[in-house]
Amino acid sequence: MKETTVKVNYIYKGRILNLRNDDILLPDGRPAMREIVEHSGGAAILAIDENNMVYLTTQYRYPYKGELTELPAGKLDKGEDPFNCARRELREETGLVADSIEFLGQLYPSPGYCEEIIYIFLAKGLHKGEESPDDDEFLVTEKVPFNKLLQMVMSNEIKDAKTIFATLFYSQKYNKDAKQI
């Protein structure tokens, strides 16, 4: 079932992503093309305090022409380790520092055309530090009870894939109370 790359054809190279239209061979040997978005990937972090409160950010997302509520997250810098990215984004977007950060899993948000991988982490033992969002980043940070976040996911109020993934994963693996909703 493997497809073989014959030629990589770049159409666009940008600051956040690159776009290719590759010539490939299908498993049966026939030629085809694949449109690919190259993206460095990102990291998201589910930060939960000792009172089972989760830290979320709300910001305007231009492609959707509206505000989205999601976990603190961001793009990996070139060569950056996903763990370090998650720790950096937690501090930048919420001002929090965590005593422990645990890897939960990874998510392929759009596998049909994009090679982006989002690495999902859990942060506990939270301490307040100083927020320092990027210059072009305007966001509001709030904290909500985990069970409210789970209800927001299940009612489709939260539409962000990384936030949905992390919430459902955590609810099944760690949060015994949430399983009764």
N, C-alpha and C. Protein backbone atom coordinates (compact mmCIF):
# COMPACT_ATOMS: atom_id res chain seq x y z
N MET A 1 0.81 -1.19 0.00
CA MET A 1 0.00 0.00 0.00
C MET A 1 0.85 1.26 0.00
N LYS A 2 2.13 1.15 -0.20
CA LYS A 2 3.02 2.30 -0.16
C LYS A 2 3.01 3.06 -1.48
N GLU A 3 2.99 4.39 -1.37
CA GLU A 3 3.13 5.26 -2.53
C GLU A 3 4.58 5.75 -2.59
N THR A 4 5.14 5.82 -3.80
CA THR A 4 6.54 6.17 -3.98
C THR A 4 6.66 7.57 -4.58
N THR A 5 7.49 8.41 -3.97
CA THR A 5 7.72 9.75 -4.48
C THR A 5 8.64 9.68 -5.70
N VAL A 6 8.21 10.30 -6.79
CA VAL A 6 9.01 10.38 -8.01
C VAL A 6 9.72 11.73 -8.05
N LYS A 7 8.97 12.81 -7.79
CA LYS A 7 9.53 14.16 -7.83
C LYS A 7 8.77 15.06 -6.87
N VAL A 8 9.53 15.86 -6.11
CA VAL A 8 8.96 16.84 -5.20
C VAL A 8 8.95 18.19 -5.92
N ASN A 9 7.78 18.80 -6.01
CA ASN A 9 7.61 20.07 -6.73
C ASN A 9 7.07 21.14 -5.78
N TYR A 10 7.95 22.07 -5.36
CA TYR A 10 7.52 23.14 -4.47
C TYR A 10 6.77 24.20 -5.26
N ILE A 11 5.62 24.61 -4.74
CA ILE A 11 4.81 25.66 -5.33
C ILE A 11 4.98 26.96 -4.56
N TYR A 12 5.11 26.81 -3.23
CA TYR A 12 5.19 27.98 -2.36
C TYR A 12 6.02 27.62 -1.14
N LYS A 13 6.88 28.53 -0.71
CA LYS A 13 7.61 28.39 0.55
C LYS A 13 7.35 29.63 1.38
N GLY A 14 6.79 29.44 2.57
CA GLY A 14 6.43 30.57 3.42
C GLY A 14 7.03 30.48 4.80
N ARG A 15 6.61 31.40 5.65
CA ARG A 15 7.11 31.48 7.02
C ARG A 15 6.53 30.37 7.89
N ILE A 16 5.26 30.00 7.66
CA ILE A 16 4.59 29.01 8.49
C ILE A 16 4.49 27.66 7.79
N LEU A 17 4.34 27.68 6.47
CA LEU A 17 4.17 26.42 5.75
C LEU A 17 4.74 26.50 4.35
N ASN A 18 4.92 25.34 3.77
CA ASN A 18 5.32 25.19 2.37
C ASN A 18 4.26 24.35 1.68
N LEU A 19 4.08 24.58 0.38
CA LEU A 19 3.10 23.83 -0.39
C LEU A 19 3.81 23.13 -1.54
N ARG A 20 3.55 21.82 -1.67
CA ARG A 20 4.14 21.00 -2.74
C ARG A 20 3.04 20.32 -3.54
N ASN A 21 3.38 19.98 -4.78
CA ASN A 21 2.53 19.14 -5.62
C ASN A 21 3.45 18.05 -6.16
N ASP A 22 3.52 16.91 -5.46
CA ASP A 22 4.47 15.85 -5.76
C ASP A 22 3.95 14.88 -6.81
N ASP A 23 4.86 14.45 -7.67
CA ASP A 23 4.58 13.34 -8.58
C ASP A 23 4.88 12.05 -7.82
N ILE A 24 3.94 11.11 -7.86
CA ILE A 24 4.12 9.85 -7.12
C ILE A 24 3.71 8.67 -7.99
N LEU A 25 4.06 7.49 -7.50
CA LEU A 25 3.56 6.25 -8.09
C LEU A 25 2.67 5.57 -7.06
N LEU A 26 1.47 5.17 -7.50
CA LEU A 26 0.55 4.44 -6.64
C LEU A 26 1.08 3.02 -6.41
N PRO A 27 0.54 2.30 -5.45
CA PRO A 27 1.01 0.94 -5.19
C PRO A 27 0.98 0.01 -6.41
N ASP A 28 0.06 0.29 -7.33
CA ASP A 28 -0.02 -0.56 -8.53
C ASP A 28 0.86 -0.03 -9.68
N GLY A 29 1.65 1.02 -9.42
CA GLY A 29 2.58 1.54 -10.42
C GLY A 29 2.07 2.69 -11.26
N ARG A 30 0.78 3.03 -11.16
CA ARG A 30 0.25 4.15 -11.93
C ARG A 30 0.72 5.47 -11.34
N PRO A 31 0.97 6.49 -12.21
CA PRO A 31 1.37 7.81 -11.72
C PRO A 31 0.18 8.58 -11.16
N ALA A 32 0.46 9.47 -10.21
CA ALA A 32 -0.56 10.34 -9.62
C ALA A 32 0.16 11.56 -9.02
N MET A 33 -0.63 12.50 -8.50
CA MET A 33 -0.07 13.68 -7.85
C MET A 33 -0.64 13.77 -6.44
N ARG A 34 0.15 14.31 -5.55
CA ARG A 34 -0.29 14.55 -4.17
C ARG A 34 0.05 15.98 -3.79
N GLU A 35 -0.98 16.74 -3.35
CA GLU A 35 -0.77 18.08 -2.83
C GLU A 35 -0.45 17.94 -1.35
N ILE A 36 0.66 18.53 -0.94
CA ILE A 36 1.14 18.38 0.44
C ILE A 36 1.41 19.75 1.05
N VAL A 37 0.94 19.94 2.27
CA VAL A 37 1.30 21.11 3.06
C VAL A 37 2.37 20.66 4.04
N GLU A 38 3.55 21.29 3.97
CA GLU A 38 4.61 21.04 4.96
C GLU A 38 4.42 22.03 6.11
N HIS A 39 4.44 21.53 7.31
CA HIS A 39 4.31 22.37 8.51
C HIS A 39 5.21 21.78 9.57
N SER A 40 5.88 22.62 10.33
CA SER A 40 6.85 22.15 11.33
C SER A 40 6.22 21.40 12.49
N GLY A 41 4.90 21.50 12.62
CA GLY A 41 4.22 20.84 13.73
C GLY A 41 4.08 21.78 14.91
N GLY A 42 3.48 21.26 15.96
CA GLY A 42 3.24 22.09 17.13
C GLY A 42 3.07 21.25 18.38
N ALA A 43 2.87 21.95 19.47
CA ALA A 43 2.64 21.30 20.75
C ALA A 43 1.51 22.02 21.47
N ALA A 44 0.71 21.24 22.17
CA ALA A 44 -0.39 21.77 22.99
C ALA A 44 -0.26 21.18 24.38
N ILE A 45 -0.77 21.92 25.37
CA ILE A 45 -0.59 21.46 26.73
C ILE A 45 -1.87 21.64 27.54
N LEU A 46 -2.33 20.53 28.11
CA LEU A 46 -3.50 20.51 28.98
C LEU A 46 -2.98 20.78 30.40
N ALA A 47 -3.18 22.00 30.88
CA ALA A 47 -2.68 22.42 32.19
C ALA A 47 -3.80 22.33 33.21
N ILE A 48 -3.64 21.45 34.20
CA ILE A 48 -4.67 21.21 35.20
C ILE A 48 -4.09 21.47 36.59
N ASP A 49 -4.77 22.34 37.35
CA ASP A 49 -4.26 22.65 38.69
C ASP A 49 -4.80 21.67 39.73
N GLU A 50 -4.45 21.92 40.97
CA GLU A 50 -4.82 21.00 42.06
C GLU A 50 -6.33 20.97 42.33
N ASN A 51 -7.06 21.96 41.81
CA ASN A 51 -8.52 22.00 41.96
C ASN A 51 -9.25 21.48 40.72
N ASN A 52 -8.52 20.81 39.84
CA ASN A 52 -9.07 20.25 38.60
C ASN A 52 -9.57 21.33 37.64
N MET A 53 -8.93 22.50 37.71
CA MET A 53 -9.24 23.60 36.80
C MET A 53 -8.26 23.54 35.63
N VAL A 54 -8.78 23.77 34.42
CA VAL A 54 -7.99 23.71 33.19
C VAL A 54 -7.84 25.13 32.63
N TYR A 55 -6.65 25.43 32.15
CA TYR A 55 -6.37 26.74 31.57
C TYR A 55 -6.58 26.68 30.05
N LEU A 56 -7.41 27.61 29.56
CA LEU A 56 -7.74 27.69 28.14
C LEU A 56 -7.42 29.09 27.62
N THR A 57 -7.23 29.18 26.32
CA THR A 57 -7.05 30.48 25.68
C THR A 57 -8.15 30.65 24.64
N THR A 58 -8.58 31.87 24.46
CA THR A 58 -9.52 32.22 23.40
C THR A 58 -8.85 33.28 22.55
N GLN A 59 -8.83 33.05 21.24
CA GLN A 59 -8.25 34.02 20.33
C GLN A 59 -8.96 33.96 18.98
N TYR A 60 -8.83 35.04 18.25
CA TYR A 60 -9.42 35.12 16.92
C TYR A 60 -8.59 34.28 15.98
N ARG A 61 -9.24 33.40 15.23
CA ARG A 61 -8.57 32.55 14.24
C ARG A 61 -9.07 32.96 12.86
N TYR A 62 -8.22 33.66 12.14
CA TYR A 62 -8.58 34.26 10.87
C TYR A 62 -9.20 33.28 9.87
N PRO A 63 -8.66 32.06 9.69
CA PRO A 63 -9.27 31.16 8.70
C PRO A 63 -10.75 30.86 8.97
N TYR A 64 -11.17 30.90 10.23
CA TYR A 64 -12.55 30.59 10.59
C TYR A 64 -13.37 31.85 10.85
N LYS A 65 -12.73 33.00 10.75
CA LYS A 65 -13.40 34.31 10.93
C LYS A 65 -14.15 34.38 12.26
N GLY A 66 -13.49 33.88 13.31
CA GLY A 66 -14.11 33.94 14.62
C GLY A 66 -13.15 33.51 15.72
N GLU A 67 -13.62 33.64 16.93
CA GLU A 67 -12.83 33.26 18.10
C GLU A 67 -12.96 31.76 18.37
N LEU A 68 -11.84 31.14 18.74
CA LEU A 68 -11.83 29.74 19.15
C LEU A 68 -11.24 29.64 20.55
N THR A 69 -11.82 28.77 21.34
CA THR A 69 -11.27 28.45 22.65
C THR A 69 -10.52 27.16 22.52
N GLU A 70 -9.29 27.16 23.05
CA GLU A 70 -8.41 26.00 22.87
C GLU A 70 -7.37 25.94 23.97
N LEU A 71 -6.61 24.86 23.98
CA LEU A 71 -5.50 24.73 24.92
C LEU A 71 -4.37 25.67 24.52
N PRO A 72 -3.52 26.05 25.47
CA PRO A 72 -2.31 26.77 25.09
C PRO A 72 -1.51 25.89 24.12
N ALA A 73 -1.07 26.48 23.04
CA ALA A 73 -0.39 25.70 22.01
C ALA A 73 0.36 26.63 21.08
N GLY A 74 1.26 26.04 20.31
CA GLY A 74 1.98 26.84 19.33
C GLY A 74 2.82 25.99 18.42
N LYS A 75 3.37 26.65 17.41
CA LYS A 75 4.19 26.03 16.38
C LYS A 75 5.59 25.73 16.92
N LEU A 76 6.10 24.58 16.52
CA LEU A 76 7.48 24.24 16.85
C LEU A 76 8.43 25.14 16.07
N ASP A 77 9.41 25.71 16.75
CA ASP A 77 10.48 26.42 16.07
C ASP A 77 11.38 25.40 15.40
N LYS A 78 12.12 25.81 14.40
CA LYS A 78 13.00 24.89 13.68
C LYS A 78 13.95 24.18 14.66
N GLY A 79 13.89 22.85 14.65
CA GLY A 79 14.75 22.04 15.51
C GLY A 79 14.32 21.96 16.97
N GLU A 80 13.19 22.58 17.32
CA GLU A 80 12.75 22.61 18.71
C GLU A 80 12.12 21.28 19.12
N ASP A 81 12.44 20.83 20.31
CA ASP A 81 11.85 19.64 20.88
C ASP A 81 10.39 19.94 21.27
N PRO A 82 9.44 19.05 20.96
CA PRO A 82 8.03 19.31 21.31
C PRO A 82 7.80 19.58 22.79
N PHE A 83 8.53 18.90 23.68
CA PHE A 83 8.41 19.12 25.12
C PHE A 83 8.74 20.57 25.45
N ASN A 84 9.84 21.08 24.90
CA ASN A 84 10.25 22.46 25.15
C ASN A 84 9.25 23.45 24.58
N CYS A 85 8.68 23.13 23.43
CA CYS A 85 7.66 23.98 22.82
C CYS A 85 6.44 24.07 23.74
N ALA A 86 5.98 22.94 24.25
CA ALA A 86 4.81 22.93 25.14
C ALA A 86 5.08 23.76 26.39
N ARG A 87 6.23 23.58 26.98
CA ARG A 87 6.60 24.35 28.19
C ARG A 87 6.64 25.85 27.87
N ARG A 88 7.23 26.20 26.71
CA ARG A 88 7.32 27.61 26.30
C ARG A 88 5.94 28.20 26.07
N GLU A 89 5.07 27.47 25.36
CA GLU A 89 3.74 27.98 25.07
C GLU A 89 2.90 28.14 26.35
N LEU A 90 3.04 27.22 27.28
CA LEU A 90 2.33 27.34 28.56
C LEU A 90 2.71 28.64 29.25
N ARG A 91 4.01 28.92 29.30
CA ARG A 91 4.49 30.14 29.94
C ARG A 91 4.06 31.39 29.18
N GLU A 92 4.24 31.37 27.84
CA GLU A 92 3.91 32.55 27.04
C GLU A 92 2.43 32.89 27.09
N GLU A 93 1.57 31.90 26.99
CA GLU A 93 0.14 32.16 26.85
C GLU A 93 -0.62 32.24 28.17
N THR A 94 -0.11 31.62 29.22
CA THR A 94 -0.82 31.64 30.50
C THR A 94 0.01 32.22 31.64
N GLY A 95 1.31 32.31 31.46
CA GLY A 95 2.18 32.75 32.54
C GLY A 95 2.46 31.65 33.54
N LEU A 96 2.09 30.42 33.22
CA LEU A 96 2.27 29.31 34.16
C LEU A 96 3.55 28.53 33.90
N VAL A 97 4.08 27.97 34.97
CA VAL A 97 5.22 27.06 34.93
C VAL A 97 4.75 25.79 35.64
N ALA A 98 5.12 24.63 35.11
CA ALA A 98 4.66 23.35 35.67
C ALA A 98 5.79 22.59 36.33
N ASP A 99 5.49 21.94 37.46
CA ASP A 99 6.46 21.04 38.11
C ASP A 99 6.65 19.78 37.28
N SER A 100 5.57 19.30 36.65
CA SER A 100 5.69 18.10 35.83
C SER A 100 4.93 18.27 34.52
N ILE A 101 5.54 17.76 33.46
CA ILE A 101 4.93 17.76 32.13
C ILE A 101 5.06 16.34 31.59
N GLU A 102 3.93 15.78 31.19
CA GLU A 102 3.88 14.39 30.72
C GLU A 102 3.37 14.35 29.28
N PHE A 103 3.99 13.56 28.45
CA PHE A 103 3.55 13.38 27.07
C PHE A 103 2.30 12.52 27.06
N LEU A 104 1.23 12.98 26.38
CA LEU A 104 -0.01 12.22 26.29
C LEU A 104 -0.15 11.49 24.95
N GLY A 105 0.30 12.11 23.88
CA GLY A 105 0.15 11.50 22.57
C GLY A 105 0.37 12.51 21.47
N GLN A 106 0.15 12.06 20.25
CA GLN A 106 0.28 12.96 19.12
C GLN A 106 -0.92 12.85 18.21
N LEU A 107 -1.17 13.91 17.46
CA LEU A 107 -2.36 14.04 16.64
C LEU A 107 -1.95 14.45 15.24
N TYR A 108 -2.54 13.81 14.23
CA TYR A 108 -2.37 14.20 12.82
C TYR A 108 -3.65 14.94 12.44
N PRO A 109 -3.65 16.29 12.43
CA PRO A 109 -4.90 17.02 12.25
C PRO A 109 -5.54 16.89 10.87
N SER A 110 -4.77 16.77 9.81
CA SER A 110 -5.32 16.67 8.45
C SER A 110 -4.46 15.74 7.60
N PRO A 111 -4.51 14.43 7.83
CA PRO A 111 -3.57 13.50 7.19
C PRO A 111 -3.72 13.33 5.69
N GLY A 112 -4.81 13.83 5.11
CA GLY A 112 -5.00 13.68 3.68
C GLY A 112 -4.11 14.59 2.85
N TYR A 113 -3.62 15.68 3.44
CA TYR A 113 -2.81 16.62 2.67
C TYR A 113 -1.74 17.34 3.47
N CYS A 114 -1.70 17.15 4.77
CA CYS A 114 -0.76 17.90 5.60
C CYS A 114 0.07 16.95 6.46
N GLU A 115 1.37 17.23 6.56
CA GLU A 115 2.25 16.37 7.36
C GLU A 115 2.45 16.89 8.78
N GLU A 116 1.65 17.86 9.20
CA GLU A 116 1.74 18.42 10.54
C GLU A 116 1.45 17.36 11.60
N ILE A 117 2.23 17.41 12.67
CA ILE A 117 2.00 16.58 13.86
C ILE A 117 1.89 17.52 15.04
N ILE A 118 0.85 17.34 15.85
CA ILE A 118 0.71 18.12 17.08
C ILE A 118 0.95 17.18 18.25
N TYR A 119 1.90 17.54 19.10
CA TYR A 119 2.26 16.76 20.27
C TYR A 119 1.48 17.30 21.46
N ILE A 120 0.84 16.41 22.20
CA ILE A 120 -0.05 16.79 23.29
C ILE A 120 0.58 16.41 24.63
N PHE A 121 0.57 17.36 25.57
CA PHE A 121 1.19 17.17 26.88
C PHE A 121 0.19 17.52 27.99
N LEU A 122 0.47 17.00 29.17
CA LEU A 122 -0.29 17.27 30.39
C LEU A 122 0.65 17.98 31.36
N ALA A 123 0.20 19.10 31.92
CA ALA A 123 1.00 19.86 32.90
C ALA A 123 0.30 19.84 34.25
N LYS A 124 1.08 19.56 35.29
CA LYS A 124 0.55 19.57 36.66
C LYS A 124 1.57 20.27 37.56
N GLY A 125 1.14 20.59 38.78
CA GLY A 125 2.01 21.31 39.70
C GLY A 125 2.28 22.72 39.17
N LEU A 126 1.21 23.46 38.93
CA LEU A 126 1.30 24.75 38.25
C LEU A 126 1.64 25.88 39.22
N HIS A 127 2.50 26.79 38.74
CA HIS A 127 2.90 27.99 39.49
C HIS A 127 2.80 29.18 38.56
N LYS A 128 2.36 30.29 39.11
CA LYS A 128 2.21 31.50 38.30
C LYS A 128 3.58 32.11 38.01
N GLY A 129 3.76 32.47 36.76
CA GLY A 129 4.96 33.18 36.31
C GLY A 129 4.52 34.44 35.60
N GLU A 130 5.10 34.71 34.45
CA GLU A 130 4.76 35.92 33.70
C GLU A 130 4.38 35.57 32.28
N GLU A 131 3.20 36.08 31.85
CA GLU A 131 2.76 35.87 30.46
C GLU A 131 3.63 36.68 29.52
N SER A 132 3.85 36.16 28.33
CA SER A 132 4.60 36.90 27.30
C SER A 132 4.18 36.42 25.92
N PRO A 133 2.92 36.73 25.53
CA PRO A 133 2.46 36.27 24.22
C PRO A 133 3.28 36.90 23.09
N ASP A 134 3.26 36.24 21.92
CA ASP A 134 3.93 36.78 20.75
C ASP A 134 3.35 38.15 20.41
N ASP A 135 4.12 38.99 19.71
CA ASP A 135 3.69 40.35 19.37
C ASP A 135 2.38 40.38 18.58
N ASP A 136 2.14 39.37 17.74
CA ASP A 136 0.94 39.36 16.91
C ASP A 136 -0.15 38.47 17.48
N GLU A 137 -0.04 38.14 18.75
CA GLU A 137 -0.97 37.22 19.40
C GLU A 137 -1.81 37.97 20.42
N PHE A 138 -3.11 37.98 20.21
CA PHE A 138 -4.04 38.62 21.12
C PHE A 138 -4.98 37.54 21.64
N LEU A 139 -4.86 37.24 22.94
CA LEU A 139 -5.67 36.16 23.49
C LEU A 139 -6.12 36.47 24.90
N VAL A 140 -7.15 35.76 25.30
CA VAL A 140 -7.67 35.84 26.66
C VAL A 140 -7.50 34.47 27.28
N THR A 141 -6.96 34.44 28.48
CA THR A 141 -6.77 33.18 29.20
C THR A 141 -7.83 33.07 30.29
N GLU A 142 -8.40 31.89 30.42
CA GLU A 142 -9.38 31.63 31.48
C GLU A 142 -9.14 30.23 32.03
N LYS A 143 -9.69 29.99 33.20
CA LYS A 143 -9.65 28.62 33.71
C LYS A 143 -11.07 28.17 33.99
N VAL A 144 -11.30 26.89 33.65
CA VAL A 144 -12.63 26.30 33.82
C VAL A 144 -12.46 24.94 34.49
N PRO A 145 -13.48 24.47 35.20
CA PRO A 145 -13.41 23.12 35.75
C PRO A 145 -13.29 22.10 34.62
N PHE A 146 -12.53 21.04 34.86
CA PHE A 146 -12.33 20.05 33.81
C PHE A 146 -13.66 19.51 33.30
N ASN A 147 -14.60 19.23 34.20
CA ASN A 147 -15.89 18.68 33.77
C ASN A 147 -16.65 19.65 32.87
N LYS A 148 -16.49 20.96 33.09
CA LYS A 148 -17.11 21.94 32.19
C LYS A 148 -16.44 21.86 30.82
N LEU A 149 -15.11 21.74 30.79
CA LEU A 149 -14.41 21.61 29.50
C LEU A 149 -14.91 20.37 28.76
N LEU A 150 -15.07 19.28 29.48
CA LEU A 150 -15.57 18.05 28.86
C LEU A 150 -16.98 18.27 28.29
N GLN A 151 -17.82 18.97 29.02
CA GLN A 151 -19.17 19.28 28.51
C GLN A 151 -19.09 20.17 27.28
N MET A 152 -18.16 21.14 27.27
CA MET A 152 -17.98 22.02 26.11
C MET A 152 -17.55 21.21 24.88
N VAL A 153 -16.71 20.22 25.09
CA VAL A 153 -16.28 19.34 23.99
C VAL A 153 -17.46 18.53 23.49
N MET A 154 -18.20 17.91 24.40
CA MET A 154 -19.29 17.02 24.01
C MET A 154 -20.47 17.76 23.39
N SER A 155 -20.62 19.05 23.68
CA SER A 155 -21.70 19.84 23.08
C SER A 155 -21.24 20.55 21.81
N ASN A 156 -20.00 20.30 21.40
CA ASN A 156 -19.41 20.88 20.19
C ASN A 156 -19.17 22.38 20.30
N GLU A 157 -19.15 22.89 21.53
CA GLU A 157 -18.76 24.29 21.73
C GLU A 157 -17.26 24.45 21.45
N ILE A 158 -16.47 23.44 21.81
CA ILE A 158 -15.04 23.40 21.48
C ILE A 158 -14.93 22.64 20.17
N LYS A 159 -14.33 23.27 19.18
CA LYS A 159 -14.20 22.66 17.85
C LYS A 159 -12.75 22.36 17.49
N ASP A 160 -11.83 22.81 18.30
CA ASP A 160 -10.40 22.65 18.04
C ASP A 160 -9.97 21.20 18.31
N ALA A 161 -9.38 20.57 17.29
CA ALA A 161 -9.05 19.14 17.37
C ALA A 161 -8.08 18.80 18.50
N LYS A 162 -7.06 19.61 18.69
CA LYS A 162 -6.07 19.28 19.73
C LYS A 162 -6.69 19.36 21.13
N THR A 163 -7.60 20.31 21.32
CA THR A 163 -8.27 20.44 22.61
C THR A 163 -9.24 19.29 22.83
N ILE A 164 -9.95 18.89 21.80
CA ILE A 164 -10.86 17.74 21.90
C ILE A 164 -10.07 16.47 22.22
N PHE A 165 -8.98 16.24 21.48
CA PHE A 165 -8.15 15.06 21.69
C PHE A 165 -7.67 14.99 23.14
N ALA A 166 -7.05 16.08 23.60
CA ALA A 166 -6.47 16.09 24.95
C ALA A 166 -7.54 15.90 26.02
N THR A 167 -8.69 16.54 25.84
CA THR A 167 -9.77 16.45 26.82
C THR A 167 -10.31 15.02 26.92
N LEU A 168 -10.60 14.42 25.78
CA LEU A 168 -11.14 13.06 25.80
C LEU A 168 -10.11 12.05 26.28
N PHE A 169 -8.86 12.22 25.86
CA PHE A 169 -7.80 11.32 26.30
C PHE A 169 -7.66 11.38 27.82
N TYR A 170 -7.56 12.60 28.35
CA TYR A 170 -7.41 12.76 29.80
C TYR A 170 -8.62 12.21 30.54
N SER A 171 -9.82 12.47 30.03
CA SER A 171 -11.02 12.02 30.72
C SER A 171 -11.07 10.50 30.83
N GLN A 172 -10.57 9.80 29.83
CA GLN A 172 -10.60 8.34 29.85
C GLN A 172 -9.44 7.74 30.64
N LYS A 173 -8.30 8.39 30.59
CA LYS A 173 -7.12 7.80 31.23
C LYS A 173 -6.95 8.20 32.69
N TYR A 174 -7.33 9.43 33.03
CA TYR A 174 -6.99 9.95 34.37
C TYR A 174 -8.15 10.40 35.22
N ASN A 175 -9.22 10.88 34.62
CA ASN A 175 -10.26 11.56 35.38
C ASN A 175 -11.46 10.63 35.61
N LYS A 176 -11.48 9.96 36.72
CA LYS A 176 -12.55 9.01 37.04
C LYS A 176 -13.93 9.69 37.09
N ASP A 177 -14.01 10.92 37.65
CA ASP A 177 -15.29 11.61 37.76
C ASP A 177 -15.88 11.92 36.39
N ALA A 178 -15.03 12.30 35.44
CA ALA A 178 -15.53 12.70 34.12
C ALA A 178 -16.20 11.53 33.40
N LYS A 179 -15.82 10.32 33.69
CA LYS A 179 -16.39 9.16 33.01
C LYS A 179 -17.88 8.99 33.32
N GLN A 180 -18.37 9.66 34.37
CA GLN A 180 -19.76 9.51 34.75
C GLN A 180 -20.66 10.54 34.12
N ILE A 181 -20.14 11.41 33.30
CA ILE A 181 -20.96 12.46 32.66
C ILE A 181 -21.79 11.84 31.56
